Amino acid sequence: MTDGGGSCTEKTLRDLVTVVSAPAYALADRLSSSLVGFVAHDALLILAADTSGAARRGSGDRAFIDGVSFLDLDELRRVLPPGSARRGELEVDGEHVPTFEALSRNGALLVMAHPGPPRDTDGIVLQAWNLVAMRVQQLADAAPPDYLQRARAASGERMEALSELADEYSTTLESVLAALRSSALDDQAARTTATGIAAQGMVHLRTASDRVRTFTEEPVTTAFERLRDDLRPLVKYRELDVQFVEPPADGRPLPSEVAHGARAVVRGSILALVDRPEVGRVRVQWGCDGTNLLIDMRDDGPGDFTDASTQLQLVRQRVHALNGQLEIEATPGWGTEVSIVIPLDPPHATAALAAAWQLRPREVDVLKLLAAGRRNRAIAGELGISENTVKFHVAAIYRKLGVTSRAEAASVFLAQPAGI
């Protein structure tokens, strides 16, 4: 866009320079000011590609910013193709709010509330967001890794969703029992009413379960493809051969904080490895043994690399925040290999659980399976004990945890962070 003398274009470029040079806390406000002339809006939300468990950034109407859940934003981030924009709507406090939604090529999400009518400037906003998103990602990568520990232990949004799921489960069961026990209904009417309540409840529970699963897991192939997109600039702007070895398509889905943290770890590792002109090729491989994400990176450099680099120190901190391990093996004349192992399951310390509630080791085993949704017969089969023994352990667990139902026991277990 120009006004004849090019001043509009110059102003836009100056605005973008102001945005990308802004500190994290001011970025949303400055971005909103620079884009309002292209797409009018009264609120703006930013969600970086790798910020599981971290705070999002917003500017404008607080009712919209506070009313949109992380789950809603995460769903948008998964539905929109990278490098695309659209007009849509979000439900906020029972109202459908029109939105402009853009997902950058690196997976960062931009949402603006009550956008002006569609114009040919929508594409300009998308391209500007692609540029600013690189700065957003840089800020996320440079952030202290303690957010990974918070997300790893227990994401507040995830716990809220799980609590809602447990509440809905309990409400459905109570409603079914109330219908069956009602003296105002005969047997046939009670059964019909209970069946209807149960069917409706199952639909709601499946929807809620899918939502929680979507938020907490990411297919390993999707996570790896996003990593490939993140590293494309290295290939495009430098004579560097980055070889990707695909993970198995049927590999176990990754918890979102593991997927996000692993991408940041690999980006940082490769930047450390290729920070020497002798390196011309890097090989990146992801695998999964069912329990851990296995990451292997190799370069063809001189093989004199050490972990003294500042960049690699941050990588090591992120790996440790995910309870993982990092090893470096440099072979003179052959290159450097970086091996990383990140556990997929959060560190629910069974010893801490046992100490907190005086649970016996077998009771901890039963509680973990109970929280995973297993019934008594399935628990008995997995542990090689009788169903009556499982019932005995479940009764002891209820007593020690101070609960009266499987749903309550599961909620108590899942709500515990690592290291009680």
Protein backbone atom coordinates (compact mmCIF):
# COMPACT_ATOMS: atom_id res chain seq x y z
CA MET A 1 0.00 0.00 0.00
CA THR A 2 1.27 3.48 -0.82
CA ASP A 3 -0.12 7.01 -0.80
CA GLY A 4 1.76 8.06 -3.92
CA GLY A 5 5.03 8.87 -2.20
CA GLY A 6 5.52 5.52 -0.59
CA SER A 7 5.10 6.95 2.95
CA CYS A 8 2.49 4.33 3.90
CA THR A 9 4.85 1.53 2.96
CA GLU A 10 7.69 3.22 4.84
CA LYS A 11 5.48 3.65 7.91
CA THR A 12 4.48 -0.02 7.76
CA LEU A 13 8.11 -1.08 7.63
CA ARG A 14 8.99 1.24 10.51
CA ASP A 15 6.09 -0.22 12.51
CA LEU A 16 7.32 -3.78 11.87
CA VAL A 17 10.82 -2.81 12.98
CA THR A 18 9.29 -1.44 16.18
CA VAL A 19 7.34 -4.66 16.70
CA VAL A 20 10.22 -7.09 16.18
CA SER A 21 12.49 -5.02 18.43
CA ALA A 22 9.93 -4.89 21.24
CA PRO A 23 10.38 -6.82 24.49
CA ALA A 24 8.02 -9.74 25.02
CA TYR A 25 5.62 -7.84 27.30
CA ALA A 26 5.09 -5.02 24.74
CA LEU A 27 5.01 -7.06 21.54
CA ALA A 28 1.24 -7.66 21.42
CA ASP A 29 0.40 -3.97 21.96
CA ARG A 30 2.81 -2.80 19.27
CA LEU A 31 1.65 -5.47 16.82
CA SER A 32 -1.97 -4.46 17.37
CA SER A 33 -1.16 -0.80 16.67
CA SER A 34 0.74 -1.66 13.48
CA LEU A 35 -2.00 -3.96 12.07
CA VAL A 36 -5.16 -2.01 12.96
CA GLY A 37 -4.93 -0.02 9.73
CA PHE A 38 -5.02 -3.24 7.69
CA VAL A 39 -7.56 -5.25 9.72
CA ALA A 40 -9.54 -3.27 12.28
CA HIS A 41 -9.98 -5.10 15.60
CA ASP A 42 -10.68 -4.48 19.27
CA ALA A 43 -8.53 -7.30 20.70
CA LEU A 44 -5.50 -9.30 19.62
CA LEU A 45 -4.12 -12.59 20.94
CA ILE A 46 -0.76 -14.26 20.25
CA LEU A 47 0.15 -17.89 20.93
CA ALA A 48 3.71 -18.90 20.03
CA ALA A 49 4.33 -22.27 18.42
CA ASP A 50 6.13 -23.78 21.43
CA THR A 51 4.62 -22.39 24.60
CA SER A 52 2.78 -25.27 26.22
CA GLY A 53 1.94 -24.20 29.74
CA ALA A 54 3.21 -20.66 29.21
CA ALA A 55 1.30 -17.37 29.25
CA ARG A 56 -0.13 -16.08 26.00
CA ARG A 57 0.11 -12.43 24.99
CA GLY A 58 -2.82 -10.16 24.32
CA SER A 59 -3.79 -6.56 23.63
CA GLY A 60 -7.13 -4.78 23.74
CA ASP A 61 -10.49 -5.97 25.11
CA ARG A 62 -9.70 -7.97 28.27
CA ALA A 63 -13.08 -9.74 28.17
CA PHE A 64 -12.07 -11.40 24.91
CA ILE A 65 -8.44 -12.03 25.92
CA ASP A 66 -9.43 -13.64 29.22
CA GLY A 67 -12.48 -15.39 27.81
CA VAL A 68 -10.71 -17.43 25.12
CA SER A 69 -9.30 -20.63 26.61
CA PHE A 70 -5.92 -22.10 25.78
CA LEU A 71 -7.76 -25.19 24.51
CA ASP A 72 -9.64 -23.07 21.94
CA LEU A 73 -6.41 -21.46 20.75
CA ASP A 74 -4.61 -24.79 20.62
CA GLU A 75 -7.43 -26.27 18.51
CA LEU A 76 -7.16 -23.35 16.08
CA ARG A 77 -3.41 -23.87 15.85
CA ARG A 78 -4.00 -27.49 14.88
CA VAL A 79 -6.82 -26.85 12.39
CA LEU A 80 -5.31 -23.99 10.38
CA PRO A 81 -2.71 -24.90 7.73
CA PRO A 82 0.65 -23.20 8.42
CA GLY A 83 1.03 -19.99 6.44
CA SER A 84 -2.72 -19.38 6.08
CA ALA A 85 -5.39 -16.97 7.34
CA ARG A 86 -9.16 -17.03 7.51
CA ARG A 87 -12.23 -15.32 8.93
CA GLY A 88 -13.95 -17.36 11.63
CA GLU A 89 -15.52 -17.06 15.06
CA LEU A 90 -14.91 -18.14 18.65
CA GLU A 91 -17.40 -18.70 21.44
CA VAL A 92 -16.60 -16.43 24.38
CA ASP A 93 -18.86 -16.42 27.43
CA GLY A 94 -21.72 -17.87 25.38
CA GLU A 95 -21.41 -15.35 22.54
CA HIS A 96 -20.02 -16.01 19.06
CA VAL A 97 -17.31 -13.44 18.39
CA PRO A 98 -16.15 -12.94 14.77
CA THR A 99 -12.39 -13.33 14.38
CA PHE A 100 -9.48 -13.00 11.98
CA GLU A 101 -7.18 -15.98 12.46
CA ALA A 102 -3.67 -16.42 11.01
CA LEU A 103 -1.17 -19.23 11.52
CA SER A 104 2.40 -18.41 10.58
CA ARG A 105 4.66 -20.79 8.72
CA ASN A 106 6.41 -21.67 11.98
CA GLY A 107 3.15 -22.47 13.79
CA ALA A 108 2.52 -19.28 15.79
CA LEU A 109 -1.13 -18.21 16.05
CA LEU A 110 -2.59 -14.70 15.73
CA VAL A 111 -6.26 -14.02 16.54
CA MET A 112 -8.02 -10.65 16.22
CA ALA A 113 -11.55 -10.06 17.54
CA HIS A 114 -14.30 -8.22 15.64
CA PRO A 115 -12.24 -7.67 12.49
CA GLY A 116 -13.34 -5.12 9.94
CA PRO A 117 -14.86 -6.27 6.65
CA PRO A 118 -12.64 -8.43 4.41
CA ARG A 119 -10.19 -6.40 2.33
CA ASP A 120 -7.28 -7.08 0.05
CA THR A 121 -5.02 -6.22 2.99
CA ASP A 122 -5.73 -9.54 4.75
CA GLY A 123 -2.79 -11.04 2.89
CA ILE A 124 -0.52 -8.22 4.08
CA VAL A 125 -1.44 -9.04 7.68
CA LEU A 126 -0.56 -12.70 7.13
CA GLN A 127 2.85 -11.86 5.65
CA ALA A 128 3.56 -9.38 8.44
CA TRP A 129 2.62 -12.06 10.96
CA ASN A 130 4.98 -14.54 9.29
CA LEU A 131 7.76 -12.04 9.90
CA VAL A 132 6.82 -11.15 13.47
CA ALA A 133 6.29 -14.83 14.33
CA MET A 134 9.99 -15.47 13.85
CA ARG A 135 10.65 -12.92 16.60
CA VAL A 136 7.95 -14.51 18.77
CA GLN A 137 9.66 -17.88 18.35
CA GLN A 138 13.04 -16.35 19.17
CA LEU A 139 11.63 -14.97 22.42
CA ALA A 140 10.14 -18.37 23.28
CA ASP A 141 13.46 -20.12 22.58
CA ALA A 142 15.35 -17.62 24.71
CA ALA A 143 12.96 -17.92 27.65
CA PRO A 144 14.18 -19.74 30.77
CA PRO A 145 13.32 -23.44 30.54
CA ASP A 146 11.40 -23.49 33.82
CA TYR A 147 8.14 -23.20 31.88
CA LEU A 148 8.81 -26.73 30.64
CA GLN A 149 8.98 -27.93 34.24
CA ARG A 150 5.64 -26.28 35.01
CA ALA A 151 4.05 -27.77 31.92
CA ARG A 152 5.65 -31.13 32.61
CA ALA A 153 4.37 -31.37 36.17
CA ALA A 154 0.81 -30.24 35.46
CA SER A 155 -0.63 -27.76 33.02
CA GLY A 156 -3.34 -25.65 34.64
CA GLU A 157 -5.50 -25.86 31.56
CA ARG A 158 -5.11 -29.61 31.41
CA MET A 159 -6.01 -30.04 35.07
CA GLU A 160 -9.04 -27.81 34.62
CA ALA A 161 -10.16 -29.87 31.63
CA LEU A 162 -9.63 -33.12 33.53
CA SER A 163 -11.58 -31.77 36.50
CA GLU A 164 -14.44 -30.77 34.23
CA LEU A 165 -14.35 -34.24 32.71
CA ALA A 166 -14.53 -35.89 36.14
CA ASP A 167 -17.36 -33.55 37.20
CA GLU A 168 -19.35 -34.35 34.08
CA TYR A 169 -18.77 -38.08 34.60
CA SER A 170 -20.01 -37.82 38.19
CA THR A 171 -23.01 -35.71 37.21
CA THR A 172 -24.02 -38.19 34.51
CA LEU A 173 -23.83 -41.13 36.91
CA GLU A 174 -25.75 -39.27 39.60
CA SER A 175 -28.47 -38.34 37.10
CA VAL A 176 -28.78 -41.95 35.91
CA LEU A 177 -29.04 -43.20 39.50
CA ALA A 178 -31.58 -40.51 40.37
CA ALA A 179 -33.78 -41.57 37.46
CA LEU A 180 -33.57 -45.24 38.43
CA ARG A 181 -34.39 -44.52 42.07
CA SER A 182 -37.18 -42.00 41.40
CA SER A 183 -40.49 -42.93 42.97
CA ALA A 184 -42.23 -40.71 40.41
CA LEU A 185 -41.28 -43.03 37.51
CA ASP A 186 -42.36 -46.57 36.87
CA ASP A 187 -39.75 -49.15 35.84
CA GLN A 188 -40.17 -48.63 32.12
CA ALA A 189 -40.08 -44.82 32.34
CA ALA A 190 -37.08 -44.95 34.70
CA ARG A 191 -35.13 -47.18 32.32
CA THR A 192 -36.01 -45.00 29.32
CA THR A 193 -35.01 -41.81 31.14
CA ALA A 194 -31.78 -43.33 32.46
CA THR A 195 -30.87 -44.62 28.99
CA GLY A 196 -31.40 -41.18 27.48
CA ILE A 197 -29.32 -39.47 30.15
CA ALA A 198 -26.52 -42.02 29.73
CA ALA A 199 -26.48 -41.68 25.93
CA GLN A 200 -26.35 -37.89 26.09
CA GLY A 201 -23.67 -38.03 28.77
CA MET A 202 -21.51 -40.38 26.70
CA VAL A 203 -21.59 -37.95 23.76
CA HIS A 204 -20.49 -35.08 26.02
CA LEU A 205 -17.81 -37.17 27.68
CA ARG A 206 -16.37 -38.32 24.35
CA THR A 207 -16.21 -34.71 23.16
CA ALA A 208 -14.51 -33.60 26.38
CA SER A 209 -12.10 -36.55 26.27
CA ASP A 210 -11.13 -35.80 22.67
CA ARG A 211 -10.52 -32.18 23.63
CA VAL A 212 -8.25 -33.10 26.51
CA ARG A 213 -6.38 -35.61 24.35
CA THR A 214 -5.94 -33.05 21.56
CA PHE A 215 -4.51 -30.56 24.03
CA THR A 216 -2.16 -32.98 25.73
CA GLU A 217 -0.83 -35.01 22.79
CA GLU A 218 0.69 -34.41 19.37
CA PRO A 219 1.42 -37.17 16.82
CA VAL A 220 5.15 -37.74 16.58
CA THR A 221 5.06 -37.36 12.78
CA THR A 222 3.32 -33.96 13.10
CA ALA A 223 5.86 -32.79 15.69
CA PHE A 224 8.72 -33.87 13.42
CA GLU A 225 7.22 -32.14 10.37
CA ARG A 226 6.95 -28.90 12.34
CA LEU A 227 10.61 -29.28 13.27
CA ARG A 228 11.46 -29.65 9.57
CA ASP A 229 9.60 -26.41 8.84
CA ASP A 230 11.46 -24.64 11.66
CA LEU A 231 14.84 -25.63 10.20
CA ARG A 232 14.08 -24.75 6.56
CA PRO A 233 15.73 -21.29 6.82
CA LEU A 234 19.05 -23.01 7.60
CA VAL A 235 18.82 -24.92 4.35
CA LYS A 236 17.55 -21.96 2.37
CA TYR A 237 20.09 -19.34 3.41
CA ARG A 238 23.17 -21.45 3.98
CA GLU A 239 24.92 -24.22 2.09
CA LEU A 240 23.97 -26.80 4.67
CA ASP A 241 22.61 -30.27 3.98
CA VAL A 242 20.11 -31.16 6.73
CA GLN A 243 19.06 -34.79 6.45
CA PHE A 244 15.88 -35.85 8.25
CA VAL A 245 15.23 -39.46 9.26
CA GLU A 246 11.47 -39.80 9.73
CA PRO A 247 10.12 -41.29 12.98
CA PRO A 248 7.83 -44.33 12.71
CA ALA A 249 4.33 -43.30 11.66
CA ASP A 250 2.76 -45.51 14.31
CA GLY A 251 4.92 -44.15 17.12
CA ARG A 252 3.34 -43.17 20.40
CA PRO A 253 1.91 -39.61 20.41
CA LEU A 254 4.05 -37.10 22.29
CA PRO A 255 2.78 -35.09 25.27
CA SER A 256 2.54 -31.51 24.01
CA GLU A 257 5.22 -30.18 26.36
CA VAL A 258 7.60 -32.91 25.17
CA ALA A 259 6.89 -32.13 21.48
CA HIS A 260 7.36 -28.40 22.06
CA GLY A 261 10.44 -28.81 24.22
CA ALA A 262 12.03 -31.33 21.86
CA ARG A 263 11.75 -28.97 18.90
CA ALA A 264 13.38 -26.17 20.91
CA VAL A 265 16.13 -28.57 22.00
CA VAL A 266 16.86 -29.71 18.43
CA ARG A 267 16.85 -26.16 17.08
CA GLY A 268 19.31 -25.06 19.75
CA SER A 269 21.52 -28.12 19.27
CA ILE A 270 21.77 -27.68 15.51
CA LEU A 271 22.54 -23.97 15.83
CA ALA A 272 25.36 -24.93 18.21
CA LEU A 273 26.66 -27.67 15.89
CA VAL A 274 26.65 -25.58 12.72
CA ASP A 275 28.23 -22.52 14.32
CA ARG A 276 31.45 -23.44 12.49
CA PRO A 277 32.17 -23.09 8.78
CA GLU A 278 33.57 -26.66 8.55
CA VAL A 279 30.12 -28.20 9.06
CA GLY A 280 28.30 -28.90 5.80
CA ARG A 281 25.94 -31.72 6.74
CA VAL A 282 23.73 -32.49 9.75
CA ARG A 283 21.62 -35.61 10.25
CA VAL A 284 18.53 -35.43 12.50
CA GLN A 285 16.71 -38.57 13.62
CA TRP A 286 13.78 -39.07 15.97
CA GLY A 287 12.66 -42.41 17.35
CA CYS A 288 10.46 -43.71 20.11
CA ASP A 289 10.81 -46.84 22.22
CA GLY A 290 7.31 -46.53 23.72
CA THR A 291 8.64 -44.87 26.85
CA ASN A 292 11.09 -42.24 25.62
CA LEU A 293 11.58 -39.87 22.71
CA LEU A 294 15.01 -40.66 21.24
CA ILE A 295 16.80 -37.84 19.42
CA ASP A 296 20.07 -38.26 17.55
CA MET A 297 21.97 -35.51 15.71
CA ARG A 298 25.30 -35.86 13.88
CA ASP A 299 27.45 -33.42 11.94
CA ASP A 300 30.43 -33.85 9.61
CA GLY A 301 32.58 -31.25 11.38
CA PRO A 302 36.11 -31.64 12.74
CA GLY A 303 34.92 -33.56 15.81
CA ASP A 304 36.35 -31.11 18.35
CA PHE A 305 33.01 -29.92 19.73
CA THR A 306 32.50 -29.59 23.49
CA ASP A 307 29.53 -28.62 25.64
CA ALA A 308 31.20 -25.34 26.65
CA SER A 309 29.09 -23.39 24.16
CA THR A 310 26.53 -21.02 25.72
CA GLN A 311 23.94 -22.19 23.18
CA LEU A 312 24.38 -25.79 24.26
CA GLN A 313 24.13 -24.89 27.94
CA LEU A 314 20.60 -23.62 27.33
CA VAL A 315 19.84 -26.83 25.41
CA ARG A 316 21.08 -28.89 28.37
CA GLN A 317 18.87 -26.89 30.76
CA ARG A 318 15.82 -27.58 28.58
CA VAL A 319 16.62 -31.29 28.44
CA HIS A 320 16.95 -31.43 32.22
CA ALA A 321 13.68 -29.50 32.60
CA LEU A 322 12.03 -32.35 30.69
CA ASN A 323 13.73 -34.91 32.97
CA GLY A 324 15.84 -36.05 30.02
CA GLN A 325 19.49 -36.86 29.40
CA LEU A 326 21.96 -35.41 26.89
CA GLU A 327 25.25 -36.94 25.78
CA ILE A 328 27.91 -35.61 23.41
CA GLU A 329 30.46 -37.74 21.61
CA ALA A 330 33.04 -35.95 19.46
CA THR A 331 35.38 -38.01 17.28
CA PRO A 332 38.30 -36.04 15.77
CA GLY A 333 38.08 -36.13 11.99
CA TRP A 334 34.62 -37.73 11.99
CA GLY A 335 32.27 -35.21 13.55
CA THR A 336 30.07 -34.81 16.63
CA GLU A 337 27.05 -36.82 17.77
CA VAL A 338 24.47 -35.45 20.20
CA SER A 339 22.11 -38.02 21.75
CA ILE A 340 19.08 -37.00 23.78
CA VAL A 341 16.56 -39.15 25.66
CA ILE A 342 13.33 -37.52 26.90
CA PRO A 343 10.78 -39.57 28.88
CA LEU A 344 7.23 -39.35 27.55
CA ASP A 345 5.43 -39.79 30.87
CA PRO A 346 5.40 -37.05 33.51
CA PRO A 347 7.39 -37.82 36.65
CA HIS A 348 4.57 -38.95 38.93
CA ALA A 349 6.95 -40.01 41.69
CA THR A 350 5.41 -43.22 43.04
CA ALA A 351 7.61 -43.01 46.12
CA ALA A 352 6.22 -39.56 46.90
CA LEU A 353 2.68 -40.81 46.35
CA ALA A 354 3.27 -43.74 48.65
CA ALA A 355 4.77 -41.53 51.34
CA ALA A 356 1.99 -38.93 51.12
CA TRP A 357 -0.87 -41.41 51.59
CA GLN A 358 0.93 -44.44 53.06
CA LEU A 359 0.13 -46.46 49.95
CA ARG A 360 1.69 -49.88 49.53
CA PRO A 361 3.57 -50.50 46.23
CA ARG A 362 0.74 -52.72 44.91
CA GLU A 363 -1.83 -50.06 45.81
CA VAL A 364 0.17 -47.52 43.79
CA ASP A 365 0.11 -49.91 40.82
CA VAL A 366 -3.66 -50.30 41.14
CA LEU A 367 -4.18 -46.53 41.50
CA LYS A 368 -2.19 -45.78 38.34
CA LEU A 369 -4.26 -48.25 36.32
CA LEU A 370 -7.48 -47.00 37.90
CA ALA A 371 -6.57 -43.43 36.92
CA ALA A 372 -5.93 -44.67 33.37
CA GLY A 373 -9.58 -45.82 33.20
CA ARG A 374 -9.06 -49.56 33.69
CA ARG A 375 -11.84 -51.59 35.27
CA ASN A 376 -11.20 -54.11 38.05
CA ARG A 377 -11.06 -57.09 35.70
CA ALA A 378 -8.54 -55.39 33.41
CA ILE A 379 -6.42 -54.33 36.41
CA ALA A 380 -6.44 -57.89 37.70
CA GLY A 381 -5.31 -59.17 34.30
CA GLU A 382 -2.47 -56.64 33.96
CA LEU A 383 -1.15 -57.20 37.49
CA GLY A 384 -1.69 -60.95 37.60
CA ILE A 385 -3.90 -60.89 40.68
CA SER A 386 -7.52 -61.84 41.35
CA GLU A 387 -10.40 -59.45 40.89
CA ASN A 388 -11.28 -59.78 44.58
CA THR A 389 -7.75 -58.68 45.46
CA VAL A 390 -8.16 -55.65 43.20
CA LYS A 391 -11.40 -54.76 45.05
CA PHE A 392 -9.53 -55.04 48.35
CA HIS A 393 -6.79 -52.68 47.09
CA VAL A 394 -9.34 -50.21 45.67
CA ALA A 395 -11.14 -50.06 49.03
CA ALA A 396 -7.82 -49.38 50.78
CA ILE A 397 -7.00 -46.64 48.26
CA TYR A 398 -10.37 -44.95 48.82
CA ARG A 399 -9.81 -44.98 52.56
CA LYS A 400 -6.27 -43.60 52.41
CA LEU A 401 -7.05 -40.90 49.84
CA GLY A 402 -10.28 -39.91 51.55
CA VAL A 403 -12.42 -40.44 48.46
CA THR A 404 -15.52 -42.47 47.68
CA SER A 405 -15.37 -43.11 43.93
CA ARG A 406 -13.04 -44.08 41.09
CA ALA A 407 -13.49 -40.66 39.51
CA GLU A 408 -12.40 -38.92 42.71
CA ALA A 409 -9.40 -41.22 43.13
CA ALA A 410 -8.33 -40.60 39.53
CA SER A 411 -8.72 -36.83 39.95
CA VAL A 412 -6.61 -36.81 43.13
CA PHE A 413 -3.89 -38.87 41.44
CA LEU A 414 -3.79 -36.82 38.23
CA ALA A 415 -3.81 -33.52 40.11
CA GLN A 416 -0.57 -34.31 41.94
CA PRO A 417 2.56 -32.59 40.56
CA ALA A 418 5.87 -34.33 40.60
CA GLY A 419 7.54 -34.43 44.00
CA ILE A 420 4.60 -33.89 46.33
